Amino acid sequence: MPRNRRSHPGDGVWLSPSQRRAWMAYMRVQLRMNYEINRQLQLDSGLSLADYHVLNALSSAPERKLQVTDLATVIGWERSRLSHHLRRMCERGLTERVQSEDDGRATDAVLTERGMAAIVEAAPDHVALVRKLFFEPLPEELVSPFTAALEHIQASLNLNSSLPPPPI
């Protein structure tokens, strides 16, 4: 379809009213949730939400390390964005970059003891805010179907998006 083609509601190009409502609700929640969690992390621990994503992925990885390319796919970032962010995290002593033992051409991101201490310290307040903002307003009977819906969307993203699926 040509990009300059004018479309009109109802011609199949637009979202249906229920799809639009769901999409707009998701966007409002996602943007506000990211803002609130980032704000809380920065105030309470000096970490950004981006830092937390990296630290969380590395703390869950075997030996607390991942190849940089794999880490990028786990957290859904472009490799260049992650490389820049890792440089800043290395400067703060939260992570290190080392030559991969598995592939000499690759670089591993490694969680340092300081990085592990930072996520351990940040986790209780972070979890409390996630419970308050995400789980308390969500009735228990909706947690399972909501989780299933998100997992279906994630599976589709793994098959149909420009980033490769996470390795783990």
N, C-alpha and C. Protein backbone atom coordinates (compact mmCIF):
# COMPACT_ATOMS: atom_id res chain seq x y z
N MET A 1 0.84 -1.17 0.00
CA MET A 1 0.00 0.00 0.00
C MET A 1 0.89 1.23 0.00
N PRO A 2 0.65 2.18 -0.89
CA PRO A 2 1.46 3.40 -0.93
C PRO A 2 1.33 4.16 0.39
N ARG A 3 2.44 4.78 0.81
CA ARG A 3 2.44 5.51 2.08
C ARG A 3 1.56 6.75 2.03
N ASN A 4 1.41 7.36 0.89
CA ASN A 4 0.66 8.61 0.81
C ASN A 4 -0.84 8.38 0.60
N ARG A 5 -1.26 7.14 0.59
CA ARG A 5 -2.68 6.84 0.42
C ARG A 5 -3.46 7.32 1.64
N ARG A 6 -4.51 8.06 1.40
CA ARG A 6 -5.36 8.51 2.50
C ARG A 6 -6.25 7.36 2.92
N SER A 7 -6.30 7.14 4.21
CA SER A 7 -7.16 6.08 4.71
C SER A 7 -8.25 6.70 5.57
N HIS A 8 -9.30 5.96 5.72
CA HIS A 8 -10.45 6.42 6.49
C HIS A 8 -10.85 5.34 7.48
N PRO A 9 -11.32 5.74 8.66
CA PRO A 9 -11.77 4.72 9.62
C PRO A 9 -12.75 3.77 8.95
N GLY A 10 -12.55 2.49 9.22
CA GLY A 10 -13.45 1.48 8.65
C GLY A 10 -12.92 0.85 7.39
N ASP A 11 -11.80 1.36 6.81
CA ASP A 11 -11.31 0.77 5.57
C ASP A 11 -10.28 -0.33 5.81
N GLY A 12 -10.12 -0.79 7.05
CA GLY A 12 -9.21 -1.88 7.36
C GLY A 12 -7.82 -1.43 7.76
N VAL A 13 -7.51 -0.15 7.58
CA VAL A 13 -6.20 0.36 7.94
C VAL A 13 -6.18 0.75 9.43
N TRP A 14 -7.29 1.20 9.93
CA TRP A 14 -7.38 1.68 11.30
C TRP A 14 -7.67 0.53 12.26
N LEU A 15 -7.37 0.75 13.52
CA LEU A 15 -7.74 -0.22 14.55
C LEU A 15 -9.24 -0.15 14.79
N SER A 16 -9.82 -1.28 15.15
CA SER A 16 -11.22 -1.27 15.53
C SER A 16 -11.35 -0.49 16.84
N PRO A 17 -12.54 -0.05 17.20
CA PRO A 17 -12.70 0.69 18.46
C PRO A 17 -12.18 -0.10 19.68
N SER A 18 -12.44 -1.39 19.75
CA SER A 18 -11.96 -2.16 20.90
C SER A 18 -10.44 -2.32 20.86
N GLN A 19 -9.87 -2.48 19.66
CA GLN A 19 -8.42 -2.57 19.55
C GLN A 19 -7.77 -1.24 19.92
N ARG A 20 -8.34 -0.15 19.44
CA ARG A 20 -7.80 1.17 19.77
C ARG A 20 -7.85 1.42 21.27
N ARG A 21 -8.96 1.06 21.90
CA ARG A 21 -9.10 1.24 23.34
C ARG A 21 -8.03 0.44 24.08
N ALA A 22 -7.83 -0.82 23.69
CA ALA A 22 -6.82 -1.67 24.32
C ALA A 22 -5.42 -1.10 24.10
N TRP A 23 -5.12 -0.70 22.86
CA TRP A 23 -3.80 -0.17 22.55
C TRP A 23 -3.51 1.12 23.32
N MET A 24 -4.47 2.02 23.35
CA MET A 24 -4.27 3.28 24.05
C MET A 24 -4.13 3.04 25.56
N ALA A 25 -4.88 2.11 26.11
CA ALA A 25 -4.76 1.79 27.53
C ALA A 25 -3.36 1.22 27.81
N TYR A 26 -2.93 0.31 26.95
CA TYR A 26 -1.58 -0.26 27.11
C TYR A 26 -0.52 0.85 27.07
N MET A 27 -0.60 1.73 26.08
CA MET A 27 0.39 2.80 25.94
C MET A 27 0.41 3.71 27.16
N ARG A 28 -0.76 4.09 27.65
CA ARG A 28 -0.82 4.96 28.84
C ARG A 28 -0.21 4.26 30.05
N VAL A 29 -0.55 2.99 30.25
CA VAL A 29 -0.02 2.24 31.39
C VAL A 29 1.48 2.05 31.25
N GLN A 30 1.93 1.64 30.09
CA GLN A 30 3.35 1.36 29.87
C GLN A 30 4.19 2.62 30.09
N LEU A 31 3.78 3.73 29.52
CA LEU A 31 4.54 4.97 29.66
C LEU A 31 4.56 5.45 31.11
N ARG A 32 3.40 5.43 31.76
CA ARG A 32 3.32 5.89 33.15
C ARG A 32 4.06 4.94 34.09
N MET A 33 3.94 3.64 33.85
CA MET A 33 4.63 2.66 34.69
C MET A 33 6.14 2.85 34.58
N ASN A 34 6.65 3.00 33.36
CA ASN A 34 8.08 3.24 33.18
C ASN A 34 8.53 4.50 33.91
N TYR A 35 7.73 5.57 33.80
CA TYR A 35 8.07 6.82 34.48
C TYR A 35 8.14 6.62 36.00
N GLU A 36 7.10 6.01 36.56
CA GLU A 36 7.03 5.84 38.01
C GLU A 36 8.14 4.94 38.53
N ILE A 37 8.39 3.84 37.85
CA ILE A 37 9.42 2.90 38.30
C ILE A 37 10.80 3.53 38.15
N ASN A 38 11.05 4.20 37.04
CA ASN A 38 12.34 4.87 36.84
C ASN A 38 12.56 5.92 37.93
N ARG A 39 11.54 6.69 38.23
CA ARG A 39 11.63 7.73 39.25
C ARG A 39 11.96 7.12 40.61
N GLN A 40 11.24 6.07 40.97
CA GLN A 40 11.46 5.43 42.27
C GLN A 40 12.86 4.84 42.36
N LEU A 41 13.30 4.16 41.32
CA LEU A 41 14.64 3.57 41.33
C LEU A 41 15.71 4.65 41.49
N GLN A 42 15.57 5.74 40.76
CA GLN A 42 16.57 6.80 40.84
C GLN A 42 16.60 7.45 42.22
N LEU A 43 15.41 7.71 42.78
CA LEU A 43 15.35 8.33 44.11
C LEU A 43 15.88 7.40 45.20
N ASP A 44 15.50 6.13 45.15
CA ASP A 44 15.83 5.21 46.24
C ASP A 44 17.20 4.56 46.12
N SER A 45 17.70 4.38 44.90
CA SER A 45 18.94 3.61 44.76
C SER A 45 19.96 4.23 43.81
N GLY A 46 19.60 5.29 43.11
CA GLY A 46 20.52 5.89 42.15
C GLY A 46 20.62 5.12 40.84
N LEU A 47 19.78 4.08 40.69
CA LEU A 47 19.76 3.31 39.45
C LEU A 47 18.65 3.83 38.55
N SER A 48 18.86 3.75 37.25
CA SER A 48 17.79 4.03 36.30
C SER A 48 17.05 2.73 36.01
N LEU A 49 15.89 2.84 35.40
CA LEU A 49 15.18 1.65 34.97
C LEU A 49 16.03 0.87 33.96
N ALA A 50 16.74 1.57 33.11
CA ALA A 50 17.64 0.91 32.15
C ALA A 50 18.73 0.13 32.89
N ASP A 51 19.31 0.74 33.93
CA ASP A 51 20.30 0.02 34.74
C ASP A 51 19.69 -1.24 35.31
N TYR A 52 18.48 -1.11 35.85
CA TYR A 52 17.81 -2.24 36.50
C TYR A 52 17.58 -3.37 35.51
N HIS A 53 17.17 -3.04 34.28
CA HIS A 53 16.96 -4.08 33.26
C HIS A 53 18.26 -4.86 33.04
N VAL A 54 19.37 -4.16 32.90
CA VAL A 54 20.65 -4.81 32.65
C VAL A 54 21.06 -5.65 33.86
N LEU A 55 21.00 -5.06 35.04
CA LEU A 55 21.40 -5.77 36.26
C LEU A 55 20.53 -7.00 36.50
N ASN A 56 19.23 -6.86 36.27
CA ASN A 56 18.31 -7.97 36.48
C ASN A 56 18.63 -9.12 35.53
N ALA A 57 18.85 -8.81 34.26
CA ALA A 57 19.17 -9.86 33.28
C ALA A 57 20.47 -10.56 33.64
N LEU A 58 21.48 -9.79 34.02
CA LEU A 58 22.77 -10.40 34.36
C LEU A 58 22.69 -11.20 35.66
N SER A 59 21.92 -10.71 36.63
CA SER A 59 21.83 -11.44 37.91
C SER A 59 21.12 -12.78 37.74
N SER A 60 20.30 -12.91 36.70
CA SER A 60 19.58 -14.15 36.44
C SER A 60 20.34 -15.10 35.52
N ALA A 61 21.41 -14.62 34.91
CA ALA A 61 22.16 -15.41 33.92
C ALA A 61 23.15 -16.34 34.62
N PRO A 62 23.46 -17.47 33.96
CA PRO A 62 24.49 -18.36 34.51
C PRO A 62 25.81 -17.60 34.69
N GLU A 63 26.42 -17.78 35.83
CA GLU A 63 27.69 -17.11 36.17
C GLU A 63 27.58 -15.59 36.12
N ARG A 64 26.36 -15.08 36.10
CA ARG A 64 26.11 -13.63 36.08
C ARG A 64 26.79 -12.94 34.90
N LYS A 65 26.76 -13.61 33.74
CA LYS A 65 27.34 -13.01 32.54
C LYS A 65 26.58 -13.49 31.31
N LEU A 66 26.57 -12.62 30.30
CA LEU A 66 25.97 -12.92 29.01
C LEU A 66 26.79 -12.25 27.93
N GLN A 67 26.83 -12.88 26.75
CA GLN A 67 27.41 -12.17 25.62
C GLN A 67 26.57 -10.91 25.39
N VAL A 68 27.24 -9.84 25.01
CA VAL A 68 26.56 -8.56 24.85
C VAL A 68 25.39 -8.67 23.87
N THR A 69 25.59 -9.40 22.78
CA THR A 69 24.50 -9.58 21.80
C THR A 69 23.31 -10.30 22.43
N ASP A 70 23.58 -11.31 23.23
CA ASP A 70 22.49 -12.04 23.89
C ASP A 70 21.80 -11.16 24.93
N LEU A 71 22.57 -10.39 25.68
CA LEU A 71 21.98 -9.48 26.67
C LEU A 71 21.07 -8.47 25.99
N ALA A 72 21.50 -7.96 24.85
CA ALA A 72 20.67 -7.00 24.11
C ALA A 72 19.33 -7.61 23.72
N THR A 73 19.34 -8.85 23.27
CA THR A 73 18.07 -9.47 22.88
C THR A 73 17.22 -9.81 24.10
N VAL A 74 17.85 -10.18 25.21
CA VAL A 74 17.09 -10.49 26.43
C VAL A 74 16.30 -9.26 26.89
N ILE A 75 16.92 -8.10 26.85
CA ILE A 75 16.23 -6.90 27.34
C ILE A 75 15.55 -6.11 26.23
N GLY A 76 15.69 -6.57 24.98
CA GLY A 76 14.97 -5.95 23.88
C GLY A 76 15.55 -4.62 23.43
N TRP A 77 16.86 -4.51 23.47
CA TRP A 77 17.53 -3.30 23.03
C TRP A 77 18.37 -3.59 21.80
N GLU A 78 18.67 -2.54 21.04
CA GLU A 78 19.65 -2.65 19.98
C GLU A 78 21.03 -2.77 20.62
N ARG A 79 21.91 -3.50 19.96
CA ARG A 79 23.24 -3.73 20.52
C ARG A 79 23.98 -2.43 20.77
N SER A 80 23.84 -1.46 19.88
CA SER A 80 24.57 -0.19 20.05
C SER A 80 24.09 0.55 21.30
N ARG A 81 22.78 0.54 21.55
CA ARG A 81 22.27 1.19 22.75
C ARG A 81 22.85 0.52 23.99
N LEU A 82 22.85 -0.82 24.00
CA LEU A 82 23.38 -1.54 25.14
C LEU A 82 24.87 -1.25 25.32
N SER A 83 25.63 -1.22 24.25
CA SER A 83 27.06 -0.96 24.36
C SER A 83 27.33 0.39 25.02
N HIS A 84 26.59 1.40 24.63
CA HIS A 84 26.75 2.72 25.25
C HIS A 84 26.37 2.69 26.73
N HIS A 85 25.28 2.00 27.02
CA HIS A 85 24.83 1.94 28.41
C HIS A 85 25.80 1.12 29.26
N LEU A 86 26.30 0.02 28.72
CA LEU A 86 27.27 -0.79 29.46
C LEU A 86 28.54 0.01 29.76
N ARG A 87 28.96 0.84 28.83
CA ARG A 87 30.15 1.67 29.06
C ARG A 87 29.94 2.53 30.31
N ARG A 88 28.77 3.15 30.41
CA ARG A 88 28.48 3.99 31.58
C ARG A 88 28.38 3.16 32.86
N MET A 89 27.79 1.96 32.75
CA MET A 89 27.67 1.09 33.92
C MET A 89 29.04 0.57 34.35
N CYS A 90 29.92 0.30 33.39
CA CYS A 90 31.29 -0.12 33.72
C CYS A 90 32.02 1.00 34.46
N GLU A 91 31.84 2.23 34.00
CA GLU A 91 32.47 3.37 34.66
C GLU A 91 32.02 3.50 36.11
N ARG A 92 30.81 3.06 36.41
CA ARG A 92 30.27 3.12 37.78
C ARG A 92 30.58 1.84 38.56
N GLY A 93 31.24 0.89 37.93
CA GLY A 93 31.63 -0.34 38.61
C GLY A 93 30.52 -1.36 38.77
N LEU A 94 29.41 -1.19 38.05
CA LEU A 94 28.27 -2.11 38.16
C LEU A 94 28.44 -3.35 37.27
N THR A 95 29.13 -3.18 36.17
CA THR A 95 29.36 -4.27 35.22
C THR A 95 30.80 -4.20 34.73
N GLU A 96 31.21 -5.27 34.07
CA GLU A 96 32.48 -5.31 33.37
C GLU A 96 32.24 -5.89 31.99
N ARG A 97 33.12 -5.57 31.07
CA ARG A 97 33.11 -6.21 29.75
C ARG A 97 34.41 -7.00 29.62
N VAL A 98 34.26 -8.26 29.25
CA VAL A 98 35.43 -9.13 29.10
C VAL A 98 35.28 -9.92 27.80
N GLN A 99 36.41 -10.38 27.29
CA GLN A 99 36.37 -11.23 26.10
C GLN A 99 35.66 -12.53 26.47
N SER A 100 34.76 -12.96 25.61
CA SER A 100 34.00 -14.18 25.85
C SER A 100 34.91 -15.40 25.82
N GLU A 101 34.73 -16.27 26.81
CA GLU A 101 35.47 -17.53 26.83
C GLU A 101 34.91 -18.51 25.79
N ASP A 102 33.63 -18.36 25.46
CA ASP A 102 32.97 -19.25 24.50
C ASP A 102 33.27 -18.87 23.05
N ASP A 103 33.43 -17.58 22.81
CA ASP A 103 33.66 -17.07 21.45
C ASP A 103 34.62 -15.89 21.56
N GLY A 104 35.85 -16.11 21.19
CA GLY A 104 36.88 -15.09 21.33
C GLY A 104 36.60 -13.80 20.57
N ARG A 105 35.67 -13.86 19.62
CA ARG A 105 35.32 -12.65 18.87
C ARG A 105 34.26 -11.82 19.59
N ALA A 106 33.63 -12.40 20.59
CA ALA A 106 32.51 -11.76 21.28
C ALA A 106 32.95 -11.18 22.62
N THR A 107 32.11 -10.30 23.13
CA THR A 107 32.33 -9.69 24.43
C THR A 107 31.21 -10.10 25.37
N ASP A 108 31.58 -10.43 26.59
CA ASP A 108 30.60 -10.74 27.62
C ASP A 108 30.42 -9.54 28.53
N ALA A 109 29.18 -9.34 28.97
CA ALA A 109 28.88 -8.39 30.03
C ALA A 109 28.80 -9.20 31.32
N VAL A 110 29.48 -8.73 32.35
CA VAL A 110 29.56 -9.46 33.60
C VAL A 110 29.07 -8.55 34.73
N LEU A 111 28.24 -9.10 35.57
CA LEU A 111 27.75 -8.38 36.75
C LEU A 111 28.85 -8.40 37.81
N THR A 112 29.24 -7.24 38.29
CA THR A 112 30.26 -7.16 39.34
C THR A 112 29.60 -7.34 40.71
N GLU A 113 30.43 -7.50 41.73
CA GLU A 113 29.89 -7.58 43.10
C GLU A 113 29.16 -6.29 43.45
N ARG A 114 29.69 -5.17 43.00
CA ARG A 114 29.03 -3.88 43.24
C ARG A 114 27.67 -3.83 42.54
N GLY A 115 27.62 -4.34 41.33
CA GLY A 115 26.36 -4.39 40.60
C GLY A 115 25.35 -5.29 41.28
N MET A 116 25.82 -6.44 41.76
CA MET A 116 24.92 -7.36 42.48
C MET A 116 24.41 -6.72 43.75
N ALA A 117 25.29 -6.04 44.48
CA ALA A 117 24.87 -5.35 45.71
C ALA A 117 23.85 -4.27 45.39
N ALA A 118 24.03 -3.57 44.27
CA ALA A 118 23.10 -2.50 43.89
C ALA A 118 21.70 -3.05 43.60
N ILE A 119 21.62 -4.17 42.88
CA ILE A 119 20.29 -4.71 42.57
C ILE A 119 19.66 -5.33 43.80
N VAL A 120 20.45 -5.95 44.65
CA VAL A 120 19.92 -6.52 45.89
C VAL A 120 19.36 -5.41 46.78
N GLU A 121 20.06 -4.29 46.82
CA GLU A 121 19.61 -3.16 47.63
C GLU A 121 18.35 -2.51 47.02
N ALA A 122 18.29 -2.41 45.70
CA ALA A 122 17.17 -1.76 45.03
C ALA A 122 15.91 -2.63 44.98
N ALA A 123 16.09 -3.94 45.00
CA ALA A 123 14.97 -4.86 44.76
C ALA A 123 13.79 -4.71 45.72
N PRO A 124 13.97 -4.61 47.03
CA PRO A 124 12.80 -4.56 47.91
C PRO A 124 11.86 -3.39 47.62
N ASP A 125 12.40 -2.19 47.45
CA ASP A 125 11.55 -1.03 47.16
C ASP A 125 10.95 -1.14 45.75
N HIS A 126 11.73 -1.68 44.83
CA HIS A 126 11.23 -1.87 43.47
C HIS A 126 10.05 -2.85 43.46
N VAL A 127 10.22 -3.98 44.13
CA VAL A 127 9.16 -4.98 44.20
C VAL A 127 7.92 -4.41 44.89
N ALA A 128 8.12 -3.64 45.94
CA ALA A 128 6.98 -3.03 46.63
C ALA A 128 6.20 -2.10 45.70
N LEU A 129 6.92 -1.32 44.89
CA LEU A 129 6.23 -0.42 43.96
C LEU A 129 5.53 -1.21 42.86
N VAL A 130 6.16 -2.26 42.35
CA VAL A 130 5.52 -3.10 41.33
C VAL A 130 4.23 -3.70 41.89
N ARG A 131 4.29 -4.19 43.11
CA ARG A 131 3.07 -4.74 43.73
C ARG A 131 1.99 -3.68 43.84
N LYS A 132 2.38 -2.50 44.31
CA LYS A 132 1.41 -1.42 44.52
C LYS A 132 0.78 -0.94 43.21
N LEU A 133 1.61 -0.70 42.20
CA LEU A 133 1.12 -0.10 40.96
C LEU A 133 0.58 -1.12 39.96
N PHE A 134 1.09 -2.35 39.99
CA PHE A 134 0.74 -3.32 38.97
C PHE A 134 -0.21 -4.39 39.48
N PHE A 135 0.12 -5.00 40.61
CA PHE A 135 -0.66 -6.14 41.07
C PHE A 135 -1.84 -5.78 41.97
N GLU A 136 -1.71 -4.77 42.82
CA GLU A 136 -2.84 -4.43 43.70
C GLU A 136 -4.09 -4.02 42.93
N PRO A 137 -3.97 -3.24 41.86
CA PRO A 137 -5.20 -2.89 41.13
C PRO A 137 -5.72 -4.00 40.22
N LEU A 138 -4.95 -5.05 40.03
CA LEU A 138 -5.33 -6.14 39.14
C LEU A 138 -5.97 -7.26 39.95
N PRO A 139 -7.26 -7.51 39.77
CA PRO A 139 -7.89 -8.59 40.53
C PRO A 139 -7.17 -9.92 40.29
N GLU A 140 -7.06 -10.70 41.33
CA GLU A 140 -6.31 -11.97 41.28
C GLU A 140 -6.79 -12.86 40.14
N GLU A 141 -8.10 -12.88 39.87
CA GLU A 141 -8.62 -13.75 38.81
C GLU A 141 -8.21 -13.28 37.41
N LEU A 142 -7.68 -12.06 37.28
CA LEU A 142 -7.23 -11.57 35.99
C LEU A 142 -5.73 -11.77 35.77
N VAL A 143 -4.98 -12.10 36.83
CA VAL A 143 -3.53 -12.24 36.70
C VAL A 143 -3.18 -13.33 35.68
N SER A 144 -3.80 -14.50 35.80
CA SER A 144 -3.48 -15.61 34.89
C SER A 144 -3.85 -15.31 33.44
N PRO A 145 -5.06 -14.83 33.14
CA PRO A 145 -5.36 -14.53 31.73
C PRO A 145 -4.54 -13.35 31.19
N PHE A 146 -4.24 -12.38 32.04
CA PHE A 146 -3.40 -11.26 31.61
C PHE A 146 -2.00 -11.75 31.27
N THR A 147 -1.46 -12.62 32.12
CA THR A 147 -0.15 -13.21 31.86
C THR A 147 -0.16 -14.00 30.56
N ALA A 148 -1.19 -14.79 30.34
CA ALA A 148 -1.29 -15.58 29.11
C ALA A 148 -1.33 -14.66 27.89
N ALA A 149 -2.09 -13.57 27.97
CA ALA A 149 -2.17 -12.63 26.85
C ALA A 149 -0.80 -12.03 26.56
N LEU A 150 -0.09 -11.61 27.60
CA LEU A 150 1.24 -11.04 27.40
C LEU A 150 2.21 -12.07 26.82
N GLU A 151 2.11 -13.31 27.27
CA GLU A 151 2.98 -14.36 26.73
C GLU A 151 2.69 -14.63 25.25
N HIS A 152 1.43 -14.55 24.84
CA HIS A 152 1.09 -14.70 23.42
C HIS A 152 1.68 -13.56 22.60
N ILE A 153 1.59 -12.35 23.13
CA ILE A 153 2.15 -11.20 22.42
C ILE A 153 3.66 -11.34 22.33
N GLN A 154 4.30 -11.77 23.42
CA GLN A 154 5.76 -11.97 23.42
C GLN A 154 6.16 -13.03 22.40
N ALA A 155 5.42 -14.12 22.32
CA ALA A 155 5.73 -15.18 21.35
C ALA A 155 5.63 -14.64 19.92
N SER A 156 4.62 -13.83 19.67
CA SER A 156 4.47 -13.23 18.34
C SER A 156 5.62 -12.28 18.04
N LEU A 157 6.01 -11.49 19.04
CA LEU A 157 7.15 -10.59 18.85
C LEU A 157 8.42 -11.38 18.54
N ASN A 158 8.61 -12.50 19.22
CA ASN A 158 9.79 -13.32 18.96
C ASN A 158 9.82 -13.82 17.52
N LEU A 159 8.65 -14.07 16.95
CA LEU A 159 8.58 -14.57 15.57
C LEU A 159 8.55 -13.46 14.52
N ASN A 160 8.02 -12.31 14.86
CA ASN A 160 7.70 -11.30 13.85
C ASN A 160 8.39 -9.96 13.99
N SER A 161 9.30 -9.82 14.92
CA SER A 161 9.93 -8.50 15.10
C SER A 161 11.32 -8.46 14.52
N SER A 162 11.90 -7.27 14.52
CA SER A 162 13.22 -7.09 13.92
C SER A 162 14.36 -7.57 14.82
N LEU A 163 14.13 -7.64 16.13
CA LEU A 163 15.15 -8.17 17.03
C LEU A 163 15.03 -9.68 17.09
N PRO A 164 16.14 -10.38 17.23
CA PRO A 164 16.05 -11.84 17.39
C PRO A 164 15.42 -12.18 18.73
N PRO A 165 14.85 -13.38 18.85
CA PRO A 165 14.27 -13.77 20.14
C PRO A 165 15.37 -13.94 21.18
N PRO A 166 15.02 -13.75 22.44
CA PRO A 166 16.02 -13.93 23.50
C PRO A 166 16.58 -15.35 23.50
N PRO A 167 17.87 -15.49 23.82
CA PRO A 167 18.50 -16.82 23.80
C PRO A 167 18.12 -17.66 25.00
N ILE A 168 17.61 -17.05 26.05
CA ILE A 168 17.28 -17.78 27.28
C ILE A 168 15.86 -17.50 27.70
